[in-house]
Amino acid sequence: MIRLRPEQRETYLRLHAAVWPSVEKTLREANFSNYTIFLHDDLLFGYYEYVGDDYEADLRLIAADPQTQEWWKLTDPCQESIAEPGSGDWWAPMREVWHLPDEA
């Protein structure tokens, strides 16, 4: 979860109406699927499924991608972190309190 800066709302929505294919490709290569960002008032909620076996390595792969770095230069100024100070997180993790599993 992260706060969307009200003055950057239209920019952020415009950017996400046409996410760069190279950024999407990198996310897929890093084993991310079903990635969705939801907006409620000024809060963004991200959801994704990670299907790999080395999350930290895949995060490094994303961070090392030059196109993703350029994307972040555009999107980061639209956001205001609400993560715990000193945590190293940009998006604040949310604690799962309930989940309806698929039927076996």
Protein backbone atom coordinates (compact mmCIF):
# COMPACT_ATOMS: atom_id res chain seq x y z
CA MET A 1 0.00 0.00 0.00
CA ILE A 2 1.22 3.52 -0.78
CA ARG A 3 -0.28 7.00 -0.90
CA LEU A 4 -0.95 8.60 -4.28
CA ARG A 5 -0.07 12.29 -4.25
CA PRO A 6 -3.29 14.12 -5.21
CA GLU A 7 -1.46 16.56 -7.48
CA GLN A 8 0.05 13.59 -9.39
CA ARG A 9 -3.15 11.53 -9.66
CA GLU A 10 -3.79 12.15 -13.36
CA THR A 11 -0.15 11.53 -14.27
CA TYR A 12 -0.10 8.23 -12.40
CA LEU A 13 -3.38 7.06 -13.92
CA ARG A 14 -2.24 8.06 -17.41
CA LEU A 15 1.05 6.15 -17.00
CA HIS A 16 -0.76 3.03 -15.79
CA ALA A 17 -3.29 3.18 -18.60
CA ALA A 18 -0.37 2.21 -20.86
CA VAL A 19 2.36 0.48 -18.84
CA TRP A 20 5.48 0.00 -20.92
CA PRO A 21 5.64 -3.52 -22.39
CA SER A 22 9.29 -3.82 -21.34
CA VAL A 23 8.34 -3.21 -17.70
CA GLU A 24 5.60 -5.84 -17.91
CA LYS A 25 8.05 -8.27 -19.55
CA THR A 26 10.56 -7.81 -16.73
CA LEU A 27 7.89 -8.45 -14.10
CA ARG A 28 6.90 -11.67 -15.85
CA GLU A 29 10.55 -12.75 -16.14
CA ALA A 30 10.86 -12.11 -12.39
CA ASN A 31 8.01 -14.57 -11.73
CA PHE A 32 5.28 -12.02 -10.94
CA SER A 33 1.77 -12.78 -12.16
CA ASN A 34 -1.74 -11.45 -11.65
CA TYR A 35 -0.28 -8.05 -10.71
CA THR A 36 -3.02 -5.53 -9.99
CA ILE A 37 -3.00 -2.05 -8.48
CA PHE A 38 -6.23 -0.81 -6.90
CA LEU A 39 -7.05 2.81 -6.03
CA HIS A 40 -9.23 3.93 -3.12
CA ASP A 41 -9.33 7.68 -2.48
CA ASP A 42 -5.61 8.49 -2.30
CA LEU A 43 -4.38 5.00 -1.40
CA LEU A 44 -2.94 2.51 -3.88
CA PHE A 45 -3.14 -1.19 -3.02
CA GLY A 46 -0.96 -3.61 -4.96
CA TYR A 47 -1.65 -7.32 -5.33
CA TYR A 48 0.46 -9.88 -7.15
CA GLU A 49 1.21 -13.56 -7.07
CA TYR A 50 4.84 -14.59 -6.93
CA VAL A 51 5.49 -17.94 -8.60
CA GLY A 52 9.28 -18.16 -8.39
CA ASP A 53 11.59 -19.70 -5.82
CA ASP A 54 14.01 -16.82 -5.06
CA TYR A 55 12.01 -13.69 -4.31
CA GLU A 56 15.01 -11.54 -3.33
CA ALA A 57 16.90 -12.45 -6.53
CA ASP A 58 13.86 -11.66 -8.63
CA LEU A 59 13.45 -8.28 -6.90
CA ARG A 60 17.09 -7.55 -7.78
CA LEU A 61 16.40 -8.54 -11.40
CA ILE A 62 13.56 -6.01 -11.55
CA ALA A 63 15.61 -3.27 -9.87
CA ALA A 64 18.53 -3.83 -12.28
CA ASP A 65 16.40 -3.43 -15.40
CA PRO A 66 17.16 -0.05 -17.07
CA GLN A 67 13.62 0.35 -18.46
CA THR A 68 12.10 -0.32 -15.03
CA GLN A 69 14.47 2.23 -13.53
CA GLU A 70 13.23 4.82 -16.07
CA TRP A 71 9.62 3.85 -15.28
CA TRP A 72 10.24 4.39 -11.57
CA LYS A 73 11.64 7.86 -12.29
CA LEU A 74 8.19 8.71 -13.64
CA THR A 75 6.02 6.88 -11.11
CA ASP A 76 7.92 7.38 -7.83
CA PRO A 77 7.26 11.15 -7.67
CA CYS A 78 3.54 10.34 -7.86
CA GLN A 79 3.74 8.31 -4.65
CA GLU A 80 4.29 9.03 -0.97
CA SER A 81 5.53 6.09 1.06
CA ILE A 82 3.61 5.19 4.20
CA ALA A 83 5.94 2.30 5.07
CA GLU A 84 7.50 2.06 8.50
CA PRO A 85 10.45 4.49 8.59
CA GLY A 86 13.75 2.62 8.39
CA SER A 87 12.10 -0.53 7.00
CA GLY A 88 13.64 -0.14 3.56
CA ASP A 89 10.19 -0.59 2.00
CA TRP A 90 8.72 1.88 -0.49
CA TRP A 91 5.26 0.28 -0.56
CA ALA A 92 3.99 -0.59 2.94
CA PRO A 93 3.36 -4.31 3.32
CA MET A 94 -0.16 -5.28 4.36
CA ARG A 95 -0.87 -8.09 6.78
CA GLU A 96 -3.21 -10.77 5.48
CA VAL A 97 -6.10 -11.34 7.90
CA TRP A 98 -8.17 -13.78 5.82
CA HIS A 99 -8.02 -15.71 2.56
CA LEU A 100 -10.56 -17.94 0.79
CA PRO A 101 -8.49 -20.77 -0.68
CA ASP A 102 -9.34 -22.60 -3.88
CA GLU A 103 -11.36 -25.72 -3.23
CA ALA A 104 -9.31 -28.87 -3.29
